[in-house]
Amino acid sequence: MTEWLAERIELIASQAPTWGYLWIVLFMTIESSFIPFPSEVVMIPAGFLAARGELSFGSPILDALLSIVAGTIGSLLGAYFNYAIAAKLGEPFLRKHAKWFFLKEEHIDRAQFIFRKYGAGATFVCRLLPAIRQIISIPAGLARMPIGSFSLWTGLGAGIWVTVLTVVGYSFGLGTADLSYRELVEQASHAIRKHWIYVIPVLLIGFALYVGISKRIMGAGSKGDSSTQVQA
């Protein structure tokens, strides 16, 4: 599927100077929802086109930064959609009609297990992991995770992933001869898998940050409750 989409992206790329950012938002919204759609075929070509000066402003750095913003916005919109669907329809409905949402029950089970075990931090970490990146928003919606916390951690995780893809595409745009979009996506995806080990420290730091912030908030809440009781 990735190869087929990469070939079709070549047609869309001809419209990049005019509609590039809107395409990025649209496709990353789809990618971040339950519809199976690889982000690699969107953000890697976006970085590639930015480096070549073939996006809206013709400024490589500016276009790359705006691509990251557009990709993150799209990722958040898709995540909000999953969250809202889960919160509105509920778990029994989703399980009964999972196939209509391109889901499998075991995927829902896995996402729920991770979310229940790690809480809000899972929405950050899982945005950087294949297969579960999109559906972690579903248990967050079922649990009605506070929307502010959901937005923060989802946005951070999605932003890092989008940045990685864009930077890889950008580096290919600067350092390689002309490639078809299929070749670009294949080679860049291979490079990401080869160096994926370097993402692990980011995951650990991000999760430690989540734990630290959570403890601080909970500690502040406990002190507030204690002071209230003393005053009473």
Protein backbone atom coordinates (compact mmCIF):
# COMPACT_ATOMS: atom_id res chain seq x y z
CA MET A 1 0.00 0.00 0.00
CA THR A 2 2.83 2.41 0.88
CA GLU A 3 4.44 1.93 -2.53
CA TRP A 4 1.13 2.49 -4.35
CA LEU A 5 0.46 5.68 -2.38
CA ALA A 6 4.00 6.95 -2.93
CA GLU A 7 3.48 6.72 -6.68
CA ARG A 8 0.17 8.62 -6.43
CA ILE A 9 1.78 11.36 -4.32
CA GLU A 10 3.76 12.33 -7.42
CA LEU A 11 0.53 13.56 -9.00
CA ILE A 12 -0.39 15.60 -5.93
CA ALA A 13 3.13 17.07 -5.67
CA SER A 14 2.57 19.02 -8.89
CA GLN A 15 0.06 21.12 -6.91
CA ALA A 16 2.37 21.59 -3.92
CA PRO A 17 3.23 25.27 -4.55
CA THR A 18 -0.46 26.19 -4.24
CA TRP A 19 -2.09 23.56 -2.03
CA GLY A 20 0.90 21.92 -0.33
CA TYR A 21 0.08 22.73 3.29
CA LEU A 22 -3.60 21.98 2.91
CA TRP A 23 -2.72 18.58 1.44
CA ILE A 24 -0.41 17.92 4.36
CA VAL A 25 -3.12 18.78 6.91
CA LEU A 26 -5.70 16.70 5.07
CA PHE A 27 -3.57 13.58 4.64
CA MET A 28 -2.11 13.70 8.14
CA THR A 29 -5.65 14.03 9.52
CA ILE A 30 -6.56 10.86 7.65
CA GLU A 31 -3.33 9.16 8.78
CA SER A 32 -3.99 10.02 12.42
CA SER A 33 -7.56 8.70 12.32
CA PHE A 34 -8.45 5.02 12.19
CA ILE A 35 -8.08 4.93 8.38
CA PRO A 36 -4.88 3.04 7.42
CA PHE A 37 -2.64 5.59 5.73
CA PRO A 38 1.15 5.81 6.24
CA SER A 39 2.53 9.17 7.36
CA GLU A 40 5.79 8.42 5.55
CA VAL A 41 4.22 9.09 2.15
CA VAL A 42 3.15 12.57 3.29
CA MET A 43 5.85 14.07 5.48
CA ILE A 44 8.93 12.63 3.76
CA PRO A 45 7.93 14.11 0.36
CA ALA A 46 6.98 17.35 2.16
CA GLY A 47 10.51 17.67 3.54
CA PHE A 48 11.94 16.70 0.15
CA LEU A 49 9.92 19.37 -1.67
CA ALA A 50 10.78 21.98 0.97
CA ALA A 51 14.52 21.36 0.49
CA ARG A 52 14.11 21.76 -3.27
CA GLY A 53 12.23 25.06 -2.85
CA GLU A 54 9.14 23.53 -4.46
CA LEU A 55 6.58 24.33 -1.75
CA SER A 56 4.51 27.47 -1.35
CA PHE A 57 7.13 30.04 -0.31
CA GLY A 58 10.19 28.64 -2.09
CA SER A 59 12.22 29.06 1.11
CA PRO A 60 13.59 25.67 2.23
CA ILE A 61 13.78 26.33 5.99
CA LEU A 62 10.47 28.22 6.18
CA ASP A 63 8.65 25.61 4.10
CA ALA A 64 10.10 22.78 6.19
CA LEU A 65 8.98 24.45 9.43
CA LEU A 66 5.50 25.14 8.07
CA SER A 67 5.28 21.54 6.86
CA ILE A 68 6.01 20.36 10.41
CA VAL A 69 3.33 22.70 11.78
CA ALA A 70 0.81 21.54 9.16
CA GLY A 71 1.64 17.87 9.80
CA THR A 72 1.26 18.29 13.56
CA ILE A 73 -2.06 20.09 13.14
CA GLY A 74 -3.32 17.30 10.89
CA SER A 75 -2.16 14.66 13.37
CA LEU A 76 -4.02 16.42 16.17
CA LEU A 77 -7.20 16.73 14.11
CA GLY A 78 -7.17 13.02 13.33
CA ALA A 79 -6.50 12.19 16.98
CA TYR A 80 -9.39 14.44 18.06
CA PHE A 81 -11.63 12.58 15.62
CA ASN A 82 -10.71 9.20 17.12
CA TYR A 83 -11.11 10.60 20.62
CA ALA A 84 -14.57 12.01 19.84
CA ILE A 85 -15.76 8.85 18.10
CA ALA A 86 -14.67 6.71 21.05
CA ALA A 87 -16.16 9.05 23.65
CA LYS A 88 -19.46 9.35 21.75
CA LEU A 89 -20.03 5.76 20.61
CA GLY A 90 -18.47 3.87 23.52
CA GLU A 91 -16.54 0.63 23.74
CA PRO A 92 -19.37 -1.90 23.06
CA PHE A 93 -20.25 -0.18 19.78
CA LEU A 94 -16.63 0.04 18.64
CA ARG A 95 -16.00 -3.62 19.40
CA LYS A 96 -19.17 -4.73 17.64
CA HIS A 97 -18.46 -2.68 14.53
CA ALA A 98 -14.65 -2.68 14.66
CA LYS A 99 -14.24 -3.79 11.04
CA TRP A 100 -16.09 -0.70 9.79
CA PHE A 101 -13.45 1.43 11.51
CA PHE A 102 -10.57 -0.64 10.06
CA LEU A 103 -9.87 -1.93 13.57
CA LYS A 104 -9.33 -5.32 15.12
CA GLU A 105 -10.42 -6.17 18.64
CA GLU A 106 -6.89 -7.20 19.57
CA HIS A 107 -5.67 -3.74 18.55
CA ILE A 108 -8.25 -2.13 20.81
CA ASP A 109 -7.26 -4.49 23.63
CA ARG A 110 -3.59 -3.65 23.21
CA ALA A 111 -4.21 0.11 23.13
CA GLN A 112 -6.42 -0.07 26.22
CA PHE A 113 -3.88 -2.16 28.12
CA ILE A 114 -1.10 0.35 27.40
CA PHE A 115 -3.29 3.34 28.23
CA ARG A 116 -4.53 1.86 31.50
CA LYS A 117 -1.00 0.92 32.54
CA TYR A 118 0.78 4.14 31.62
CA GLY A 119 -1.99 6.73 31.53
CA ALA A 120 -1.61 10.02 29.70
CA GLY A 121 2.08 9.37 28.99
CA ALA A 122 1.03 6.57 26.64
CA THR A 123 -0.51 9.11 24.29
CA PHE A 124 2.95 10.66 23.94
CA VAL A 125 5.07 7.53 23.67
CA CYS A 126 2.71 5.66 21.36
CA ARG A 127 2.62 8.52 18.83
CA LEU A 128 6.19 7.45 18.01
CA LEU A 129 5.45 3.74 17.68
CA PRO A 130 4.21 1.96 14.52
CA ALA A 131 0.86 0.16 14.44
CA ILE A 132 -0.48 1.69 17.64
CA ARG A 133 0.28 5.34 16.82
CA GLN A 134 -3.22 6.12 15.59
CA ILE A 135 -5.42 3.97 17.82
CA ILE A 136 -4.00 5.10 21.19
CA SER A 137 -6.46 8.00 20.90
CA ILE A 138 -9.36 5.55 21.17
CA PRO A 139 -8.80 4.41 24.78
CA ALA A 140 -8.08 8.04 25.66
CA GLY A 141 -11.53 8.92 24.33
CA LEU A 142 -13.18 5.97 26.06
CA ALA A 143 -11.61 7.11 29.36
CA ARG A 144 -12.52 10.74 28.59
CA MET A 145 -8.97 11.85 29.26
CA PRO A 146 -8.90 15.63 29.94
CA ILE A 147 -8.73 17.28 26.54
CA GLY A 148 -5.94 19.66 27.57
CA SER A 149 -3.68 16.84 28.68
CA PHE A 150 -4.62 14.79 25.63
CA SER A 151 -3.77 17.70 23.32
CA LEU A 152 -0.44 18.38 25.03
CA TRP A 153 0.93 14.84 24.98
CA THR A 154 -0.53 13.90 21.60
CA GLY A 155 0.79 17.12 20.08
CA LEU A 156 4.28 16.56 21.49
CA GLY A 157 4.49 12.98 20.27
CA ALA A 158 3.01 13.76 16.87
CA GLY A 159 5.25 16.81 16.50
CA ILE A 160 8.39 14.76 17.11
CA TRP A 161 7.35 12.06 14.64
CA VAL A 162 6.40 14.60 11.97
CA THR A 163 9.70 16.43 12.50
CA VAL A 164 11.71 13.21 12.10
CA LEU A 165 10.00 12.40 8.80
CA THR A 166 10.31 15.95 7.49
CA VAL A 167 14.00 16.22 8.39
CA VAL A 168 14.76 12.89 6.72
CA GLY A 169 12.92 13.99 3.58
CA TYR A 170 14.70 17.35 3.72
CA SER A 171 18.12 15.69 3.94
CA PHE A 172 17.29 13.56 0.91
CA GLY A 173 16.21 16.68 -0.95
CA LEU A 174 19.55 18.34 -0.25
CA GLY A 175 21.84 15.41 -0.82
CA THR A 176 20.46 13.16 -3.54
CA ALA A 177 19.85 13.25 -7.25
CA ASP A 178 16.33 13.14 -8.61
CA LEU A 179 14.31 10.28 -7.19
CA SER A 180 10.82 9.04 -7.89
CA TYR A 181 8.53 9.47 -4.89
CA ARG A 182 8.37 5.72 -4.51
CA GLU A 183 12.18 5.51 -4.33
CA LEU A 184 12.27 8.47 -1.96
CA VAL A 185 9.79 6.95 0.48
CA GLU A 186 11.42 3.51 0.32
CA GLN A 187 14.96 4.80 0.91
CA ALA A 188 13.98 7.32 3.56
CA SER A 189 11.82 4.80 5.43
CA HIS A 190 14.74 2.37 5.41
CA ALA A 191 17.01 5.08 6.83
CA ILE A 192 14.51 5.77 9.64
CA ARG A 193 14.24 2.08 10.56
CA LYS A 194 18.03 1.76 10.49
CA HIS A 195 18.49 4.64 12.93
CA TRP A 196 15.36 4.09 15.01
CA ILE A 197 17.50 3.28 18.05
CA TYR A 198 18.19 7.01 18.44
CA VAL A 199 14.49 7.69 19.06
CA ILE A 200 14.48 5.54 22.21
CA PRO A 201 16.19 8.22 24.37
CA VAL A 202 13.53 10.70 23.26
CA LEU A 203 10.82 8.27 24.38
CA LEU A 204 12.48 7.77 27.75
CA ILE A 205 13.04 11.48 28.34
CA GLY A 206 9.47 12.28 27.28
CA PHE A 207 7.99 9.64 29.56
CA ALA A 208 10.18 10.79 32.47
CA LEU A 209 8.97 14.33 31.82
CA TYR A 210 5.37 13.12 31.93
CA VAL A 211 5.94 11.30 35.24
CA GLY A 212 7.65 14.35 36.74
CA ILE A 213 4.90 16.74 35.69
CA SER A 214 2.18 14.37 36.90
CA LYS A 215 3.81 13.97 40.32
CA ARG A 216 4.21 17.73 40.62
CA ILE A 217 0.56 18.35 39.79
CA MET A 218 -0.62 15.62 42.13
CA GLY A 219 1.68 16.93 44.88
CA ALA A 220 0.34 20.44 44.47
CA GLY A 221 -3.21 19.08 44.63
CA SER A 222 -2.45 17.16 47.82
CA LYS A 223 -0.97 20.25 49.49
CA GLY A 224 -4.04 22.24 48.50
CA ASP A 225 -6.32 19.64 50.03
CA SER A 226 -4.24 19.55 53.22
CA SER A 227 -4.29 23.32 53.63
CA THR A 228 -8.02 23.34 53.09
CA GLN A 229 -8.50 20.76 55.78
CA VAL A 230 -6.28 22.70 58.23
CA GLN A 231 -8.22 25.90 57.62
CA ALA A 232 -11.48 24.06 58.10
